[in-house]
C-alpha atoms as a PDB file:
ATOM      1  CA  MET A   1      -5.299   8.135  -5.465  1.00  0.00           C
ATOM      2  CA  LEU A   2      -7.513   5.189  -4.634  1.00  0.00           C
ATOM      3  CA  ALA A   3      -6.330   1.586  -4.538  1.00  0.00           C
ATOM      4  CA  LYS A   4      -7.370  -1.902  -3.461  1.00  0.00           C
ATOM      5  CA  ILE A   5      -4.779  -3.413  -1.130  1.00  0.00           C
ATOM      6  CA  THR A   6      -4.291  -6.731   0.667  1.00  0.00           C
ATOM      7  CA  PHE A   7      -1.896  -6.965   3.622  1.00  0.00           C
ATOM      8  CA  ARG A   8       0.128 -10.155   4.076  1.00  0.00           C
ATOM      9  CA  GLY A   9       0.283 -11.912   7.415  1.00  0.00           C
ATOM     10  CA  PRO A  10       3.242 -13.797   8.887  1.00  0.00           C
ATOM     11  CA  GLN A  11       2.243 -17.075   7.202  1.00  0.00           C
ATOM     12  CA  ARG A  12       2.779 -15.347   3.814  1.00  0.00           C
ATOM     13  CA  GLY A  13       6.037 -13.657   4.839  1.00  0.00           C
ATOM     14  CA  GLY A  14       4.406 -10.321   5.726  1.00  0.00           C
ATOM     15  CA  ARG A  15       3.802  -8.431   8.949  1.00  0.00           C
ATOM     16  CA  ASN A  16       3.521 -10.050  12.369  1.00  0.00           C
ATOM     17  CA  THR A  17       0.886  -7.566  13.575  1.00  0.00           C
ATOM     18  CA  PRO A  18      -2.020  -6.127  11.573  1.00  0.00           C
ATOM     19  CA  PRO A  19      -1.391  -2.565  10.334  1.00  0.00           C
ATOM     20  CA  GLN A  20      -3.581   0.375  11.244  1.00  0.00           C
ATOM     21  CA  THR A  21      -4.975   3.001   8.916  1.00  0.00           C
ATOM     22  CA  GLY A  22      -2.253   5.596   8.385  1.00  0.00           C
ATOM     23  CA  VAL A  23       0.467   2.947   8.000  1.00  0.00           C
ATOM     24  CA  ARG A  24       3.520   4.260   6.100  1.00  0.00           C
ATOM     25  CA  PRO A  25       5.289   1.578   4.076  1.00  0.00           C
ATOM     26  CA  THR A  26       7.429   2.108   1.014  1.00  0.00           C
ATOM     27  CA  VAL A  27       5.987   1.415  -2.416  1.00  0.00           C
ATOM     28  CA  ARG A  28       8.003   0.038  -5.300  1.00  0.00           C
ATOM     29  CA  LEU A  29       7.932   2.069  -8.514  1.00  0.00           C
ATOM     30  CA  GLY A  30       9.949   0.105 -11.043  1.00  0.00           C
ATOM     31  CA  ASP A  31      13.499   0.042  -9.686  1.00  0.00           C
ATOM     32  CA  GLU A  32      12.877   2.796  -7.109  1.00  0.00           C
ATOM     33  CA  PHE A  33      11.084   2.964  -3.767  1.00  0.00           C
ATOM     34  CA  THR A  34       9.300   5.889  -2.121  1.00  0.00           C
ATOM     35  CA  SER A  35       7.370   6.416   1.077  1.00  0.00           C
ATOM     36  CA  CYS A  36       3.590   6.575   1.157  1.00  0.00           C
ATOM     37  CA  LYS A  37       0.660   6.618   3.552  1.00  0.00           C
ATOM     38  CA  ILE A  38      -2.259   4.167   3.347  1.00  0.00           C
ATOM     39  CA  GLU A  39      -5.602   5.183   4.853  1.00  0.00           C
ATOM     40  CA  SER A  40      -8.872   3.283   4.855  1.00  0.00           C
ATOM     41  CA  THR A  41     -11.750   4.774   2.861  1.00  0.00           C
ATOM     42  CA  GLU A  42     -14.145   2.369   4.611  1.00  0.00           C
ATOM     43  CA  GLY A  43     -13.708   3.571   8.203  1.00  0.00           C
ATOM     44  CA  VAL A  44     -11.501   0.597   9.123  1.00  0.00           C
ATOM     45  CA  GLU A  45      -8.984   1.304  11.907  1.00  0.00           C
ATOM     46  CA  VAL A  46      -7.071  -2.016  11.819  1.00  0.00           C
ATOM     47  CA  PHE A  47      -6.603  -3.981   8.599  1.00  0.00           C
ATOM     48  CA  GLU A  48      -7.013  -7.761   8.753  1.00  0.00           C
ATOM     49  CA  PHE A  49      -4.542  -9.943   6.862  1.00  0.00           C
ATOM     50  CA  ASP A  50      -5.437 -11.481   3.502  1.00  0.00           C
ATOM     51  CA  ARG A  51      -8.520  -9.308   2.996  1.00  0.00           C
ATOM     52  CA  GLU A  52      -8.825  -6.674   0.258  1.00  0.00           C
ATOM     53  CA  TYR A  53      -9.486  -3.082   1.356  1.00  0.00           C
ATOM     54  CA  ASN A  54     -10.333   0.133  -0.471  1.00  0.00           C
ATOM     55  CA  VAL A  55      -7.750   2.705   0.556  1.00  0.00           C
ATOM     56  CA  ARG A  56      -6.440   6.174  -0.204  1.00  0.00           C
ATOM     57  CA  LEU A  57      -2.764   6.114  -1.144  1.00  0.00           C
ATOM     58  CA  THR A  58      -0.756   9.296  -0.593  1.00  0.00           C
ATOM     59  CA  LEU A  59       2.815   9.556  -1.881  1.00  0.00           C
ATOM     60  CA  PHE A  60       5.228  11.596   0.253  1.00  0.00           C
ATOM     61  CA  PHE A  61       6.969  13.035  -2.825  1.00  0.00           C
ATOM     62  CA  PRO A  62       4.139  13.461  -5.346  1.00  0.00           C
ATOM     63  CA  ASP A  63       6.009  15.942  -7.554  1.00  0.00           C
ATOM     64  CA  LYS A  64       8.633  13.310  -8.299  1.00  0.00           C
ATOM     65  CA  TYR A  65       6.568  10.091  -8.383  1.00  0.00           C
ATOM     66  CA  GLN A  66       2.853  10.811  -8.993  1.00  0.00           C
ATOM     67  CA  SER A  67       3.219  10.704 -12.785  1.00  0.00           C
ATOM     68  CA  ARG A  68       4.619   7.158 -12.560  1.00  0.00           C
ATOM     69  CA  LEU A  69       1.392   5.676 -11.171  1.00  0.00           C
ATOM     70  CA  HIS A  70      -1.693   5.026 -13.280  1.00  0.00           C
ATOM     71  CA  THR A  71      -5.092   3.364 -12.936  1.00  0.00           C
ATOM     72  CA  CYS A  72      -4.778  -0.456 -13.054  1.00  0.00           C
ATOM     73  CA  ASP A  73      -1.070  -0.429 -12.082  1.00  0.00           C
ATOM     74  CA  ASP A  74      -0.051  -3.232  -9.718  1.00  0.00           C
ATOM     75  CA  LEU A  75       1.531  -2.157  -6.440  1.00  0.00           C
ATOM     76  CA  ASN A  76       3.915  -3.823  -3.982  1.00  0.00           C
ATOM     77  CA  PHE A  77       4.507  -2.406  -0.503  1.00  0.00           C
ATOM     78  CA  TYR A  78       7.492  -3.061   1.762  1.00  0.00           C
ATOM     79  CA  GLU A  79       8.744  -2.536   5.283  1.00  0.00           C
ATOM     80  CA  GLY A  80      12.482  -2.887   4.929  1.00  0.00           C
ATOM     81  CA  ALA A  81      13.143  -5.847   2.619  1.00  0.00           C
ATOM     82  CA  LYS A  82       9.874  -7.571   3.591  1.00  0.00           C
ATOM     83  CA  GLN A  83       6.902  -7.312   1.223  1.00  0.00           C
ATOM     84  CA  VAL A  84       3.916  -6.570   3.470  1.00  0.00           C
ATOM     85  CA  ALA A  85       1.128  -5.835   0.968  1.00  0.00           C
ATOM     86  CA  ASN A  86       0.151  -5.772  -2.658  1.00  0.00           C
ATOM     87  CA  GLY A  87      -2.637  -4.121  -4.590  1.00  0.00           C
ATOM     88  CA  LYS A  88      -3.834  -2.223  -7.624  1.00  0.00           C
ATOM     89  CA  ILE A  89      -4.655   1.418  -8.341  1.00  0.00           C
ATOM     90  CA  VAL A  90      -8.347   1.874  -9.111  1.00  0.00           C
ATOM     91  CA  SER A  91      -8.432   5.668  -9.566  1.00  0.00           C
ATOM     92  CA  GLU A  92      -5.858   8.437  -9.860  1.00  0.00           C
END
């Protein structure tokens, strides 16, 4: 699925170092979390903080969670308890 995502920097409580394409945070789906992979669709290798990117989002357990995500859904991404990014699904 395709999404628009913005990564948070340390001043917003996010990551200390910019993530690279292929980063694997967890995504919150209601009261559950699952692993995913975020890859740039724009050829970007390193994501800058506080800038929106078009990305491909791949869930690690699509059979269990894919049906819970829909176009226009808001997304929150975490590394441990720290929210590191947020975004929105633009296409399933």
